[in-house]
C-alpha atoms as a PDB file:
ATOM      1  CA  MET A   1     -10.799   1.564  26.596  1.00  0.00           C
ATOM      2  CA  GLY A   2      -8.933   0.258  29.520  1.00  0.00           C
ATOM      3  CA  ASP A   3      -5.103   0.633  29.540  1.00  0.00           C
ATOM      4  CA  GLU A   4      -4.285  -3.097  29.630  1.00  0.00           C
ATOM      5  CA  LYS A   5      -5.798  -3.741  26.167  1.00  0.00           C
ATOM      6  CA  ASN A   6      -4.880  -0.637  24.302  1.00  0.00           C
ATOM      7  CA  ARG A   7      -1.405  -1.318  22.546  1.00  0.00           C
ATOM      8  CA  ALA A   8      -1.540  -1.321  18.683  1.00  0.00           C
ATOM      9  CA  LEU A   9       0.803  -1.632  16.037  1.00  0.00           C
ATOM     10  CA  VAL A  10       0.233  -0.489  12.354  1.00  0.00           C
ATOM     11  CA  ALA A  11       3.057  -2.094  10.311  1.00  0.00           C
ATOM     12  CA  TYR A  12       3.279  -1.355   6.584  1.00  0.00           C
ATOM     13  CA  TRP A  13       5.419  -1.329   3.589  1.00  0.00           C
ATOM     14  CA  SER A  14       4.668   1.194   0.706  1.00  0.00           C
ATOM     15  CA  ALA A  15       6.489   1.591  -2.685  1.00  0.00           C
ATOM     16  CA  GLY A  16       4.580   4.677  -4.203  1.00  0.00           C
ATOM     17  CA  GLY A  17       3.175   6.095  -0.895  1.00  0.00           C
ATOM     18  CA  ASN A  18      -0.573   4.530  -1.252  1.00  0.00           C
ATOM     19  CA  THR A  19      -0.260   1.932   1.395  1.00  0.00           C
ATOM     20  CA  ARG A  20       1.669   4.638   3.626  1.00  0.00           C
ATOM     21  CA  LYS A  21      -1.384   7.130   3.391  1.00  0.00           C
ATOM     22  CA  VAL A  22      -3.793   4.348   4.540  1.00  0.00           C
ATOM     23  CA  ALA A  23      -1.261   3.238   7.249  1.00  0.00           C
ATOM     24  CA  GLU A  24      -0.883   6.909   8.555  1.00  0.00           C
ATOM     25  CA  ALA A  25      -4.798   7.262   8.571  1.00  0.00           C
ATOM     26  CA  LEU A  26      -5.474   4.184  10.427  1.00  0.00           C
ATOM     27  CA  HIS A  27      -2.766   4.974  13.128  1.00  0.00           C
ATOM     28  CA  ALA A  28      -4.420   8.421  13.541  1.00  0.00           C
ATOM     29  CA  THR A  29      -7.606   6.766  14.003  1.00  0.00           C
ATOM     30  CA  LEU A  30      -6.259   4.460  16.697  1.00  0.00           C
ATOM     31  CA  VAL A  31      -4.693   7.313  18.475  1.00  0.00           C
ATOM     32  CA  GLU A  32      -7.816   9.310  18.608  1.00  0.00           C
ATOM     33  CA  ALA A  33      -9.621   6.157  19.747  1.00  0.00           C
ATOM     34  CA  GLY A  34      -7.035   6.300  22.855  1.00  0.00           C
ATOM     35  CA  PHE A  35      -4.862   3.507  21.814  1.00  0.00           C
ATOM     36  CA  ALA A  36      -1.209   3.545  22.431  1.00  0.00           C
ATOM     37  CA  ALA A  37      -0.320   3.197  18.751  1.00  0.00           C
ATOM     38  CA  GLU A  38       2.925   2.665  17.045  1.00  0.00           C
ATOM     39  CA  LEU A  39       3.322   3.341  13.242  1.00  0.00           C
ATOM     40  CA  LYS A  40       6.313   1.066  11.848  1.00  0.00           C
ATOM     41  CA  GLU A  41       7.533   0.826   8.299  1.00  0.00           C
ATOM     42  CA  ILE A  42       8.471  -2.700   7.275  1.00  0.00           C
ATOM     43  CA  ALA A  43      12.161  -2.891   6.819  1.00  0.00           C
ATOM     44  CA  PRO A  44      14.912  -5.624   7.169  1.00  0.00           C
ATOM     45  CA  ASP A  45      15.741  -4.125  10.381  1.00  0.00           C
ATOM     46  CA  LEU A  46      12.271  -3.844  11.955  1.00  0.00           C
ATOM     47  CA  ASP A  47      12.356  -5.557  15.259  1.00  0.00           C
ATOM     48  CA  VAL A  48       8.882  -6.201  16.740  1.00  0.00           C
ATOM     49  CA  ALA A  49       7.186  -8.598  18.389  1.00  0.00           C
ATOM     50  CA  LEU A  50       3.469  -8.894  17.049  1.00  0.00           C
ATOM     51  CA  CYS A  51       1.964 -10.717  20.233  1.00  0.00           C
ATOM     52  CA  ASP A  52       3.298  -7.739  22.384  1.00  0.00           C
ATOM     53  CA  TYR A  53       0.358  -5.864  21.065  1.00  0.00           C
ATOM     54  CA  HIS A  54      -3.296  -6.103  21.534  1.00  0.00           C
ATOM     55  CA  LEU A  55      -4.110  -4.993  17.898  1.00  0.00           C
ATOM     56  CA  VAL A  56      -1.838  -5.585  14.935  1.00  0.00           C
ATOM     57  CA  LEU A  57      -2.372  -3.871  11.347  1.00  0.00           C
ATOM     58  CA  ILE A  58      -0.211  -5.092   8.552  1.00  0.00           C
ATOM     59  CA  GLY A  59      -0.501  -3.604   5.291  1.00  0.00           C
ATOM     60  CA  ALA A  60       1.262  -3.575   1.776  1.00  0.00           C
ATOM     61  CA  PRO A  61       0.680  -3.117  -1.849  1.00  0.00           C
ATOM     62  CA  VAL A  62      -0.562  -6.083  -3.880  1.00  0.00           C
ATOM     63  CA  TYR A  63       2.207  -7.377  -6.141  1.00  0.00           C
ATOM     64  CA  GLN A  64       0.936 -10.171  -8.467  1.00  0.00           C
ATOM     65  CA  PHE A  65      -1.731 -11.157  -6.120  1.00  0.00           C
ATOM     66  CA  ALA A  66       0.665 -11.376  -3.307  1.00  0.00           C
ATOM     67  CA  PRO A  67       2.609  -9.207  -0.749  1.00  0.00           C
ATOM     68  CA  PRO A  68       5.849  -7.659  -2.133  1.00  0.00           C
ATOM     69  CA  GLU A  69       9.238  -9.524  -0.935  1.00  0.00           C
ATOM     70  CA  PRO A  70       9.871  -7.070   2.001  1.00  0.00           C
ATOM     71  CA  VAL A  71       6.720  -8.117   3.608  1.00  0.00           C
ATOM     72  CA  ARG A  72       6.958 -11.788   2.943  1.00  0.00           C
ATOM     73  CA  ALA A  73      10.490 -11.547   4.606  1.00  0.00           C
ATOM     74  CA  PHE A  74       9.097  -9.797   7.534  1.00  0.00           C
ATOM     75  CA  LEU A  75       6.211 -12.316   7.929  1.00  0.00           C
ATOM     76  CA  GLY A  76       8.615 -15.168   7.686  1.00  0.00           C
ATOM     77  CA  ALA A  77      10.797 -13.766  10.267  1.00  0.00           C
ATOM     78  CA  GLN A  78       8.038 -13.317  12.522  1.00  0.00           C
ATOM     79  CA  MET A  79       7.158 -16.893  12.223  1.00  0.00           C
ATOM     80  CA  LYS A  80      10.524 -18.174  12.901  1.00  0.00           C
ATOM     81  CA  ALA A  81      10.327 -15.807  16.150  1.00  0.00           C
ATOM     82  CA  TYR A  82       7.485 -17.779  17.224  1.00  0.00           C
ATOM     83  CA  GLY A  83       9.191 -21.170  16.797  1.00  0.00           C
ATOM     84  CA  GLU A  84       7.015 -24.118  16.329  1.00  0.00           C
ATOM     85  CA  VAL A  85       3.600 -23.630  14.930  1.00  0.00           C
ATOM     86  CA  LEU A  86       1.203 -25.499  17.243  1.00  0.00           C
ATOM     87  CA  PRO A  87      -1.545 -27.640  15.789  1.00  0.00           C
ATOM     88  CA  ALA A  88      -4.545 -25.810  15.313  1.00  0.00           C
ATOM     89  CA  ALA A  89      -2.811 -22.495  15.941  1.00  0.00           C
ATOM     90  CA  PRO A  90      -4.442 -21.816  19.294  1.00  0.00           C
ATOM     91  CA  GLU A  91      -5.513 -18.311  19.653  1.00  0.00           C
ATOM     92  CA  ARG A  92      -3.800 -15.732  22.028  1.00  0.00           C
ATOM     93  CA  PRO A  93      -6.417 -14.191  24.248  1.00  0.00           C
ATOM     94  CA  GLY A  94      -7.080 -10.623  23.688  1.00  0.00           C
ATOM     95  CA  ARG A  95      -4.852 -10.400  20.521  1.00  0.00           C
ATOM     96  CA  PHE A  96      -6.554  -9.124  17.215  1.00  0.00           C
ATOM     97  CA  GLY A  97      -5.253  -8.571  13.748  1.00  0.00           C
ATOM     98  CA  VAL A  98      -6.180  -6.620  10.687  1.00  0.00           C
ATOM     99  CA  VAL A  99      -4.519  -7.121   7.128  1.00  0.00           C
ATOM    100  CA  PHE A 100      -4.978  -4.288   4.601  1.00  0.00           C
ATOM    101  CA  CYS A 101      -3.659  -3.679   1.091  1.00  0.00           C
ATOM    102  CA  THR A 102      -3.606  -1.173  -1.652  1.00  0.00           C
ATOM    103  CA  TYR A 103      -4.393  -2.472  -5.068  1.00  0.00           C
ATOM    104  CA  GLY A 104      -4.733  -1.082  -8.639  1.00  0.00           C
ATOM    105  CA  GLY A 105      -6.766  -3.783 -10.234  1.00  0.00           C
ATOM    106  CA  PRO A 106      -6.192  -3.150 -13.702  1.00  0.00           C
ATOM    107  CA  HIS A 107      -7.654  -6.663 -14.720  1.00  0.00           C
ATOM    108  CA  THR A 108     -10.276  -7.851 -12.332  1.00  0.00           C
ATOM    109  CA  GLY A 109     -10.389  -5.156  -9.553  1.00  0.00           C
ATOM    110  CA  ALA A 110     -10.693  -6.076  -5.926  1.00  0.00           C
ATOM    111  CA  ARG A 111     -10.538  -9.945  -6.576  1.00  0.00           C
ATOM    112  CA  GLU A 112      -6.927  -9.410  -7.230  1.00  0.00           C
ATOM    113  CA  ALA A 113      -6.481  -8.352  -3.528  1.00  0.00           C
ATOM    114  CA  VAL A 114      -7.897 -11.158  -2.035  1.00  0.00           C
ATOM    115  CA  PRO A 115      -5.177 -13.643  -2.154  1.00  0.00           C
ATOM    116  CA  MET A 116      -2.640 -11.136  -0.564  1.00  0.00           C
ATOM    117  CA  LEU A 117      -4.897 -10.464   2.381  1.00  0.00           C
ATOM    118  CA  LYS A 118      -5.687 -14.195   2.652  1.00  0.00           C
ATOM    119  CA  TYR A 119      -1.994 -15.031   2.566  1.00  0.00           C
ATOM    120  CA  THR A 120      -0.790 -12.220   5.150  1.00  0.00           C
ATOM    121  CA  GLY A 121      -3.807 -13.065   7.585  1.00  0.00           C
ATOM    122  CA  GLN A 122      -2.290 -16.661   7.629  1.00  0.00           C
ATOM    123  CA  PHE A 123       0.687 -15.431   9.227  1.00  0.00           C
ATOM    124  CA  LEU A 124      -1.197 -13.626  11.949  1.00  0.00           C
ATOM    125  CA  GLU A 125      -3.484 -16.627  12.639  1.00  0.00           C
ATOM    126  CA  HIS A 126      -0.681 -19.021  13.120  1.00  0.00           C
ATOM    127  CA  ALA A 127       0.929 -16.619  15.484  1.00  0.00           C
ATOM    128  CA  GLY A 128      -2.234 -16.889  17.487  1.00  0.00           C
ATOM    129  CA  ILE A 129      -3.676 -13.450  16.461  1.00  0.00           C
ATOM    130  CA  ARG A 130      -7.369 -13.632  15.370  1.00  0.00           C
ATOM    131  CA  VAL A 131      -7.850 -11.885  11.869  1.00  0.00           C
ATOM    132  CA  VAL A 132     -10.784  -9.870  12.508  1.00  0.00           C
ATOM    133  CA  GLY A 133     -10.579  -7.612   9.238  1.00  0.00           C
ATOM    134  CA  GLU A 134      -9.526  -7.647   5.737  1.00  0.00           C
ATOM    135  CA  TRP A 135      -9.509  -4.439   3.680  1.00  0.00           C
ATOM    136  CA  ALA A 136      -8.636  -3.695   0.320  1.00  0.00           C
ATOM    137  CA  VAL A 137      -8.163   0.183  -0.633  1.00  0.00           C
ATOM    138  CA  VAL A 138      -7.794   1.155  -4.299  1.00  0.00           C
ATOM    139  CA  GLY A 139      -4.499   2.883  -5.154  1.00  0.00           C
ATOM    140  CA  GLU A 140      -3.262   4.441  -8.377  1.00  0.00           C
ATOM    141  CA  PHE A 141      -0.030   3.030 -10.039  1.00  0.00           C
ATOM    142  CA  HIS A 142       2.866   5.575  -9.757  1.00  0.00           C
ATOM    143  CA  ALA A 143       5.465   4.044 -11.905  1.00  0.00           C
ATOM    144  CA  GLU A 144       5.611   5.978 -15.341  1.00  0.00           C
ATOM    145  CA  SER A 145       5.436   2.730 -17.329  1.00  0.00           C
ATOM    146  CA  ARG A 146       2.213   1.786 -15.759  1.00  0.00           C
ATOM    147  CA  THR A 147       0.135   5.007 -15.816  1.00  0.00           C
ATOM    148  CA  GLN A 148      -2.068   3.887 -18.377  1.00  0.00           C
ATOM    149  CA  LEU A 149      -3.302   1.296 -16.030  1.00  0.00           C
ATOM    150  CA  ASN A 150      -4.896   4.028 -13.855  1.00  0.00           C
ATOM    151  CA  VAL A 151      -7.744   4.336 -16.429  1.00  0.00           C
ATOM    152  CA  ALA A 152      -7.696   1.032 -18.373  1.00  0.00           C
ATOM    153  CA  GLY A 153      -9.009  -1.442 -15.863  1.00  0.00           C
ATOM    154  CA  ARG A 154     -12.431  -2.352 -14.406  1.00  0.00           C
ATOM    155  CA  LEU A 155     -12.261   0.142 -11.756  1.00  0.00           C
ATOM    156  CA  GLY A 156     -12.275   3.163 -14.109  1.00  0.00           C
ATOM    157  CA  ASP A 157     -10.203   6.093 -13.303  1.00  0.00           C
ATOM    158  CA  ILE A 158      -8.202   5.531 -10.139  1.00  0.00           C
ATOM    159  CA  ARG A 159      -5.794   8.479 -10.521  1.00  0.00           C
ATOM    160  CA  GLY A 160      -5.375  10.245  -7.089  1.00  0.00           C
ATOM    161  CA  ARG A 161      -6.405   7.251  -5.042  1.00  0.00           C
ATOM    162  CA  PRO A 162      -6.445   6.407  -2.405  1.00  0.00           C
ATOM    163  CA  ASN A 163      -8.311   9.790  -1.894  1.00  0.00           C
ATOM    164  CA  ASP A 164     -10.114  11.256   1.142  1.00  0.00           C
ATOM    165  CA  ALA A 165     -13.230   9.297   0.830  1.00  0.00           C
ATOM    166  CA  ASP A 166     -11.301   5.924   0.589  1.00  0.00           C
ATOM    167  CA  LEU A 167      -9.271   6.902   3.625  1.00  0.00           C
ATOM    168  CA  ARG A 168     -12.608   8.070   5.568  1.00  0.00           C
ATOM    169  CA  ALA A 169     -14.036   4.725   4.436  1.00  0.00           C
ATOM    170  CA  VAL A 170     -11.149   2.390   5.807  1.00  0.00           C
ATOM    171  CA  CYS A 171     -11.147   4.556   9.099  1.00  0.00           C
ATOM    172  CA  GLY A 172     -14.788   4.075   9.417  1.00  0.00           C
ATOM    173  CA  ARG A 173     -14.159   0.272   9.284  1.00  0.00           C
ATOM    174  CA  LEU A 174     -11.513   0.660  12.056  1.00  0.00           C
ATOM    175  CA  THR A 175     -13.890   2.541  14.133  1.00  0.00           C
ATOM    176  CA  GLY A 176     -16.497   0.105  13.855  1.00  0.00           C
ATOM    177  CA  LEU A 177     -14.066  -2.872  14.649  1.00  0.00           C
ATOM    178  CA  LEU A 178     -12.595  -1.073  17.618  1.00  0.00           C
ATOM    179  CA  ARG A 179     -16.358  -1.236  19.123  1.00  0.00           C
ATOM    180  CA  GLN A 180     -16.693  -4.783  18.294  1.00  0.00           C
ATOM    181  CA  ILE A 181     -13.273  -5.914  19.624  1.00  0.00           C
ATOM    182  CA  GLU A 182     -13.874  -3.804  22.995  1.00  0.00           C
ATOM    183  CA  GLY A 183     -16.985  -6.172  23.456  1.00  0.00           C
ATOM    184  CA  LEU A 184     -14.903  -9.146  22.829  1.00  0.00           C
ATOM    185  CA  TRP A 185     -12.317  -7.990  25.249  1.00  0.00           C
ATOM    186  CA  GLU A 186     -15.169  -7.354  27.975  1.00  0.00           C
ATOM    187  CA  ASN A 187     -16.150 -11.048  27.359  1.00  0.00           C
ATOM    188  CA  GLU A 188     -12.572 -12.401  28.155  1.00  0.00           C
END
């Protein structure tokens, strides 16, 4: 991959460690693929400009079908930084994004993650970053009061997840996506 198109950012927020595990695995995959990749935890003082990166991955756990407040605040700050949203949100050439989440799904499973992925992706799209991936990864509940949800949902027993197989699967998606993006960059 040429140096001019190899800056990547993996920004994440994690309450119990599930999303951090996924973010770290994705970051390692990017580094292995030759990207100058940064791994940043979303916090109130995180100062990044998403459009400075050729590939942006943003991840968080799903809280009642949405990203948690720290992620919503980060996304809102990013929108303010870009100023006025232009009609049709024109894409910035060579800028791509992936949104990912971890979810427990004690009620309906993966469908609970979809609203969060779509919501988060819209912030990237409005910044002109084409969303090319939306990935949901199963993760166990860590709160003592919620551990029964690790075995009581439609997903069955999710204790210990994301596990090695989950991480290999999401990293495999990223590897495939990088091949596709390289083709898109070559056509610009």
